Amino acid sequence: MVLVLGAESYIGRIFCAELRRRGYDFTLPPARDYCDFNSLFDCVRKIRPAFVIDAAGCPSPDVDVFEPAREEVLRANTILPRYLAQVCLMTNTPWGHTSSCGIYSGAKIVVVTGLTVAKKMGRAELLRMILECPEKIRGFTESDEPNFSFRATPCNFFSGTVALAEEAIRGIGRNYIWRLGQPFNERGEPENFLQQIQIAEKIYNGVSAYSHTGDFVRACLDLWERGAPYGTYNVANPGLVTNGQIVEMIRKILKPPRHFEFWQDDTEFYSRGNRVLRPDYVLDISKLLATGVVMRPVTEAIEDSLKNWRVEPLHGEFHKAAA
């Protein structure tokens, strides 16, 4: 039996679908307030699951939605994982926590003297480097401390709570920390980064780690099924792709009847009402791949999603200011 917290969330629904496909029995906690420690402990103790999945956080690329709801974000992203770590330690239950890649900013750049960290990848010269000589760009590994967090400001509140959770649960019991990149798939839903780009007023031309949600969930469950070492994993599709390149794929495949515009630079972006800081970053996923878990190249996964694109019924408000 697998216990799923946050089964109704964007990622939680996909976890449930994949568990069903693999033939696992799974259940949900009877109470919706997961942050009641005693109720959570009683639930895990009585169900005695073989594995617990925490998908109750807020792994969304639209940080503007969550910035005002700080209490809710703190409870879901930080307090719940800390409680769950203690509960699973007390019951000797293995578990996995859905985290976010957005706790880093920038990338490591190969220079004559070795490596240097560039904290803003949206600069024109670095975007050119991605296109012309990507071998000079290295991503952050799981052993690198987050540099977009409450301990390495400035950061946004969402990323700060995610990094705080990782710090709070690291090394406690038998757990996986699965870092999700910008989530996308073939369904035009509000949480889908490809959908957000298509409806954005203007595009922020940066670079991030991107995770096809189906690939992400399959990789997470594969780690558990293979008995991979517990710990933190960057679970993103390999390769580098800029938002500008994604827009070109959208133009070529979907042929939308609109003209895409880009923000000129950070000054214009943040002067037009976009107050929440956004990281752009490159991550190293070699630790994941070394376990034998397979993830499609990011360009292949994005192109496949666009070729199979379908619009889903709306179940939330889109944020149209920027992608």
Protein backbone atom coordinates (compact mmCIF):
# COMPACT_ATOMS: atom_id res chain seq x y z
CA MET A 1 0.00 0.00 0.00
CA VAL A 2 1.26 3.49 -0.93
CA LEU A 3 0.02 6.54 0.98
CA VAL A 4 -0.29 9.69 -1.16
CA LEU A 5 -0.46 13.15 0.40
CA GLY A 6 -1.70 15.82 -1.98
CA ALA A 7 -3.39 13.41 -4.40
CA GLU A 8 -5.55 16.28 -5.66
CA SER A 9 -2.56 18.47 -6.57
CA TYR A 10 -1.14 18.88 -10.08
CA ILE A 11 1.68 16.40 -9.47
CA GLY A 12 -0.33 14.29 -7.04
CA ARG A 13 -2.90 13.40 -9.71
CA ILE A 14 -0.13 12.18 -11.99
CA PHE A 15 1.45 10.12 -9.20
CA CYS A 16 -1.92 8.44 -8.59
CA ALA A 17 -2.39 7.69 -12.29
CA GLU A 18 1.08 6.14 -12.56
CA LEU A 19 0.63 4.10 -9.38
CA ARG A 20 -2.64 2.77 -10.81
CA ARG A 21 -0.92 1.94 -14.10
CA ARG A 22 1.80 0.02 -12.25
CA GLY A 23 -0.77 -1.95 -10.28
CA TYR A 24 -0.13 -0.47 -6.84
CA ASP A 25 -2.83 -0.10 -4.24
CA PHE A 26 -2.77 3.42 -2.85
CA THR A 27 -4.79 5.41 -0.39
CA LEU A 28 -5.18 8.98 0.80
CA PRO A 29 -5.11 10.31 4.37
CA PRO A 30 -8.63 10.61 5.82
CA ALA A 31 -7.96 14.18 7.04
CA ARG A 32 -7.17 17.04 4.70
CA ASP A 33 -5.21 19.00 7.32
CA TYR A 34 -1.94 17.16 6.95
CA CYS A 35 -0.19 19.58 9.31
CA ASP A 36 -1.87 18.05 12.37
CA PHE A 37 1.08 15.99 13.62
CA ASN A 38 -0.93 13.58 15.79
CA SER A 39 -3.44 12.84 13.01
CA LEU A 40 -0.62 12.30 10.52
CA PHE A 41 1.19 9.96 12.89
CA ASP A 42 -1.97 7.96 13.61
CA CYS A 43 -2.70 7.68 9.87
CA VAL A 44 0.75 6.31 8.99
CA ARG A 45 0.84 4.04 12.05
CA LYS A 46 -2.55 2.49 11.24
CA ILE A 47 -2.17 2.16 7.45
CA ARG A 48 1.44 0.96 7.68
CA PRO A 49 2.20 1.89 4.03
CA ALA A 50 5.15 0.44 2.18
CA PHE A 51 5.92 3.96 0.93
CA VAL A 52 4.61 7.50 1.41
CA ILE A 53 4.54 10.14 -1.34
CA ASP A 54 4.39 13.81 -0.39
CA ALA A 55 2.93 15.76 -3.33
CA ALA A 56 1.06 18.25 -1.16
CA GLY A 57 3.42 21.17 -1.70
CA CYS A 58 3.05 23.94 -4.26
CA PRO A 59 5.45 23.05 -7.13
CA SER A 60 4.19 25.70 -9.57
CA PRO A 61 6.14 27.92 -11.97
CA ASP A 62 3.68 30.74 -11.27
CA VAL A 63 5.21 32.14 -8.09
CA ASP A 64 2.96 35.24 -8.23
CA VAL A 65 -0.01 33.07 -7.27
CA PHE A 66 1.66 31.87 -4.09
CA GLU A 67 3.51 34.98 -2.93
CA PRO A 68 0.46 36.52 -1.18
CA ALA A 69 -0.59 33.21 0.44
CA ARG A 70 2.50 32.93 2.60
CA GLU A 71 0.97 31.05 5.51
CA GLU A 72 -0.46 28.37 3.23
CA VAL A 73 2.80 28.05 1.31
CA LEU A 74 4.85 27.76 4.49
CA ARG A 75 2.57 25.05 5.86
CA ALA A 76 2.54 23.00 2.64
CA ASN A 77 6.14 23.50 1.57
CA THR A 78 7.99 23.45 4.90
CA ILE A 79 5.98 22.46 7.97
CA LEU A 80 4.32 19.39 6.44
CA PRO A 81 7.58 17.83 5.12
CA ARG A 82 9.21 18.36 8.53
CA TYR A 83 6.29 16.67 10.31
CA LEU A 84 6.23 13.86 7.78
CA ALA A 85 9.97 13.26 8.15
CA GLN A 86 9.52 12.80 11.89
CA VAL A 87 6.44 10.56 11.46
CA CYS A 88 8.21 8.34 8.92
CA LEU A 89 11.30 8.15 11.13
CA MET A 90 9.17 7.07 14.11
CA THR A 91 7.34 4.43 12.03
CA ASN A 92 10.40 3.39 9.97
CA THR A 93 8.53 4.19 6.75
CA PRO A 94 10.36 5.11 3.51
CA TRP A 95 8.99 8.15 1.72
CA GLY A 96 9.52 10.62 -1.09
CA HIS A 97 9.12 14.41 -1.01
CA THR A 98 8.33 16.46 -4.11
CA SER A 99 10.59 19.51 -4.01
CA SER A 100 11.54 22.12 -6.64
CA CYS A 101 14.59 22.90 -8.74
CA GLY A 102 13.89 26.61 -8.31
CA ILE A 103 16.19 27.00 -5.30
CA TYR A 104 19.14 27.84 -7.52
CA SER A 105 19.95 30.83 -9.66
CA GLY A 106 22.38 30.81 -12.57
CA ALA A 107 24.91 28.19 -13.60
CA LYS A 108 28.59 27.31 -13.47
CA ILE A 109 30.55 28.71 -16.41
CA VAL A 110 33.82 27.19 -17.65
CA VAL A 111 36.56 29.84 -17.76
CA VAL A 112 40.32 29.67 -18.17
CA THR A 113 40.92 29.43 -14.43
CA GLY A 114 38.24 26.80 -13.81
CA LEU A 115 34.57 27.42 -12.97
CA THR A 116 32.76 30.60 -12.03
CA VAL A 117 29.11 31.03 -11.07
CA ALA A 118 26.92 33.37 -13.12
CA LYS A 119 23.77 34.04 -11.09
CA LYS A 120 21.64 35.43 -13.95
CA MET A 121 21.32 33.27 -17.06
CA GLY A 122 18.99 35.69 -18.84
CA ARG A 123 21.87 37.91 -19.99
CA ALA A 124 22.29 38.02 -23.76
CA GLU A 125 25.87 36.73 -23.78
CA LEU A 126 24.94 33.67 -21.67
CA LEU A 127 21.90 32.87 -23.79
CA ARG A 128 24.22 32.97 -26.82
CA MET A 129 26.60 30.62 -25.03
CA ILE A 130 23.76 28.11 -24.56
CA LEU A 131 23.15 28.14 -28.32
CA GLU A 132 26.77 28.27 -29.51
CA CYS A 133 28.87 26.41 -26.92
CA PRO A 134 26.69 24.69 -24.32
CA GLU A 135 29.65 22.57 -23.20
CA LYS A 136 30.92 25.65 -21.32
CA ILE A 137 27.85 25.62 -19.07
CA ARG A 138 27.62 23.29 -16.09
CA GLY A 139 24.64 22.82 -13.82
CA PHE A 140 24.36 22.79 -10.05
CA THR A 141 24.57 19.35 -8.47
CA GLU A 142 22.69 17.99 -5.49
CA SER A 143 25.74 18.66 -3.30
CA ASP A 144 25.69 22.39 -4.09
CA GLU A 145 23.93 24.45 -1.43
CA PRO A 146 20.92 26.39 -2.77
CA ASN A 147 21.86 29.95 -3.74
CA PHE A 148 18.27 31.21 -4.11
CA SER A 149 16.95 30.73 -0.60
CA PHE A 150 16.38 32.45 2.74
CA ARG A 151 20.05 31.74 3.51
CA ALA A 152 21.21 33.13 0.17
CA THR A 153 19.02 36.12 -0.55
CA PRO A 154 17.49 37.66 -2.53
CA CYS A 155 14.90 35.01 -3.33
CA ASN A 156 11.14 34.70 -3.58
CA PHE A 157 9.10 33.31 -0.68
CA PHE A 158 8.17 30.11 -2.53
CA SER A 159 11.80 29.15 -3.21
CA GLY A 160 12.78 30.10 0.33
CA THR A 161 10.25 27.71 1.86
CA VAL A 162 11.27 24.89 -0.51
CA ALA A 163 14.95 25.23 0.40
CA LEU A 164 14.07 25.41 4.09
CA ALA A 165 12.12 22.15 3.82
CA GLU A 166 15.03 20.36 2.18
CA GLU A 167 17.32 21.54 4.95
CA ALA A 168 14.82 20.40 7.60
CA ILE A 169 14.34 16.84 6.29
CA ARG A 170 17.74 16.05 4.80
CA GLY A 171 19.17 12.86 6.30
CA ILE A 172 16.16 12.13 8.52
CA GLY A 173 15.10 8.52 8.05
CA ARG A 174 14.74 6.87 4.66
CA ASN A 175 13.63 9.56 2.26
CA TYR A 176 13.99 10.78 -1.29
CA ILE A 177 13.92 14.47 -2.16
CA TRP A 178 12.72 14.72 -5.77
CA ARG A 179 13.39 18.13 -7.32
CA LEU A 180 10.85 19.07 -9.98
CA GLY A 181 11.81 21.50 -12.76
CA GLN A 182 9.38 23.78 -14.58
CA PRO A 183 6.50 21.31 -15.08
CA PHE A 184 5.08 20.68 -18.53
CA ASN A 185 3.22 18.05 -20.52
CA GLU A 186 0.81 17.80 -23.44
CA ARG A 187 -2.26 19.04 -21.53
CA GLY A 188 -3.11 22.74 -21.66
CA GLU A 189 -3.67 23.27 -17.93
CA PRO A 190 -2.89 26.38 -15.87
CA GLU A 191 0.06 24.75 -14.09
CA ASN A 192 1.70 23.70 -17.37
CA PHE A 193 4.67 25.92 -18.22
CA LEU A 194 4.03 25.49 -21.96
CA GLN A 195 0.50 26.82 -21.42
CA GLN A 196 1.80 29.77 -19.42
CA ILE A 197 4.21 30.73 -22.19
CA GLN A 198 1.42 30.61 -24.77
CA ILE A 199 -0.80 33.04 -22.88
CA ALA A 200 1.88 35.33 -21.43
CA GLU A 201 1.74 39.00 -22.33
CA LYS A 202 5.51 38.91 -22.83
CA ILE A 203 8.11 36.18 -22.42
CA TYR A 204 11.05 36.24 -20.02
CA ASN A 205 13.86 34.72 -22.09
CA GLY A 206 15.78 32.77 -19.50
CA VAL A 207 16.69 29.12 -19.04
CA SER A 208 15.57 26.62 -16.40
CA ALA A 209 15.43 22.94 -15.65
CA TYR A 210 12.23 21.52 -17.17
CA SER A 211 10.42 18.36 -16.11
CA HIS A 212 7.81 16.56 -18.17
CA THR A 213 5.37 15.62 -15.40
CA GLY A 214 4.90 12.04 -16.62
CA ASP A 215 8.66 11.53 -16.99
CA PHE A 216 9.18 13.06 -13.55
CA VAL A 217 6.71 10.78 -11.77
CA ARG A 218 8.00 7.69 -13.55
CA ALA A 219 11.59 8.57 -12.62
CA CYS A 220 10.64 9.14 -8.97
CA LEU A 221 8.89 5.78 -8.70
CA ASP A 222 11.71 4.08 -10.60
CA LEU A 223 14.19 5.32 -7.97
CA TRP A 224 12.10 3.72 -5.25
CA GLU A 225 11.45 0.48 -7.13
CA ARG A 226 15.14 0.10 -8.03
CA GLY A 227 16.17 0.63 -4.43
CA ALA A 228 18.33 3.59 -5.39
CA PRO A 229 20.19 5.24 -2.49
CA TYR A 230 18.01 7.62 -0.50
CA GLY A 231 18.81 11.30 -0.81
CA THR A 232 18.27 14.28 -3.09
CA TYR A 233 17.86 14.00 -6.86
CA ASN A 234 17.48 16.63 -9.57
CA VAL A 235 14.66 15.04 -11.61
CA ALA A 236 14.57 17.03 -14.84
CA ASN A 237 14.78 16.19 -18.53
CA PRO A 238 18.43 16.45 -19.63
CA GLY A 239 19.65 19.20 -21.91
CA LEU A 240 19.59 22.97 -22.22
CA VAL A 241 16.76 24.93 -23.80
CA THR A 242 15.89 28.62 -23.51
CA ASN A 243 12.41 30.09 -23.36
CA GLY A 244 13.16 31.63 -26.75
CA GLN A 245 13.77 28.18 -28.21
CA ILE A 246 10.55 26.92 -26.64
CA VAL A 247 8.66 29.77 -28.30
CA GLU A 248 10.14 28.76 -31.66
CA MET A 249 8.92 25.19 -31.12
CA ILE A 250 5.45 26.49 -30.27
CA ARG A 251 5.42 28.64 -33.43
CA LYS A 252 6.56 25.76 -35.61
CA ILE A 253 4.30 23.03 -34.21
CA LEU A 254 1.16 24.77 -32.93
CA LYS A 255 1.23 27.79 -35.26
CA PRO A 256 -0.71 30.00 -32.82
CA PRO A 257 -2.40 33.13 -34.27
CA ARG A 258 -0.41 35.54 -32.14
CA HIS A 259 2.90 37.39 -32.05
CA PHE A 260 5.22 36.58 -29.14
CA GLU A 261 7.08 39.44 -27.52
CA PHE A 262 9.99 39.24 -25.09
CA TRP A 263 10.90 41.42 -22.15
CA GLN A 264 13.97 43.43 -23.10
CA ASP A 265 15.83 42.82 -19.84
CA ASP A 266 15.36 42.53 -16.08
CA THR A 267 14.93 46.27 -15.71
CA GLU A 268 11.90 46.30 -18.01
CA PHE A 269 10.52 43.06 -16.59
CA TYR A 270 10.57 44.17 -12.95
CA SER A 271 9.49 47.73 -13.71
CA ARG A 272 6.21 46.53 -15.25
CA GLY A 273 4.58 45.12 -12.13
CA ASN A 274 6.49 41.83 -11.93
CA ARG A 275 7.64 42.16 -8.33
CA VAL A 276 8.37 38.54 -7.47
CA LEU A 277 11.96 37.51 -8.19
CA ARG A 278 12.31 34.66 -10.68
CA PRO A 279 15.36 32.41 -10.83
CA ASP A 280 16.76 31.04 -14.06
CA TYR A 281 19.15 28.15 -13.63
CA VAL A 282 20.86 25.06 -14.99
CA LEU A 283 21.01 21.79 -13.05
CA ASP A 284 23.20 18.71 -13.36
CA ILE A 285 21.15 15.49 -13.43
CA SER A 286 24.04 13.02 -13.73
CA LYS A 287 23.30 11.59 -10.25
CA LEU A 288 19.83 10.55 -11.40
CA LEU A 289 21.04 9.09 -14.69
CA ALA A 290 23.80 7.14 -12.89
CA THR A 291 21.11 5.08 -11.15
CA GLY A 292 19.92 3.80 -14.55
CA VAL A 293 16.74 5.88 -14.52
CA VAL A 294 16.00 7.20 -18.00
CA MET A 295 14.68 10.69 -18.82
CA ARG A 296 14.06 11.88 -22.38
CA PRO A 297 16.10 14.84 -23.66
CA VAL A 298 14.24 18.05 -22.87
CA THR A 299 13.81 19.17 -26.49
CA GLU A 300 12.37 15.77 -27.45
CA ALA A 301 9.94 15.85 -24.51
CA ILE A 302 8.78 19.40 -25.29
CA GLU A 303 8.33 18.71 -28.99
CA ASP A 304 6.38 15.54 -28.24
CA SER A 305 4.14 17.45 -25.81
CA LEU A 306 3.40 20.12 -28.41
CA LYS A 307 2.70 17.56 -31.14
CA ASN A 308 0.16 15.90 -28.85
CA TRP A 309 -1.18 19.16 -27.42
CA ARG A 310 -4.75 19.26 -26.15
CA VAL A 311 -6.54 21.93 -24.18
CA GLU A 312 -7.98 20.86 -20.84
CA PRO A 313 -11.05 22.40 -19.16
CA LEU A 314 -10.09 25.40 -17.04
CA HIS A 315 -9.94 24.81 -13.30
CA GLY A 316 -8.05 27.87 -12.18
CA GLU A 317 -7.07 31.39 -13.08
CA PHE A 318 -4.24 31.97 -15.51
CA HIS A 319 -1.65 34.59 -14.70
CA LYS A 320 -1.02 36.46 -17.93
CA ALA A 321 1.61 38.98 -16.90
CA ALA A 322 4.73 37.05 -17.77
CA ALA A 323 6.23 33.61 -18.24
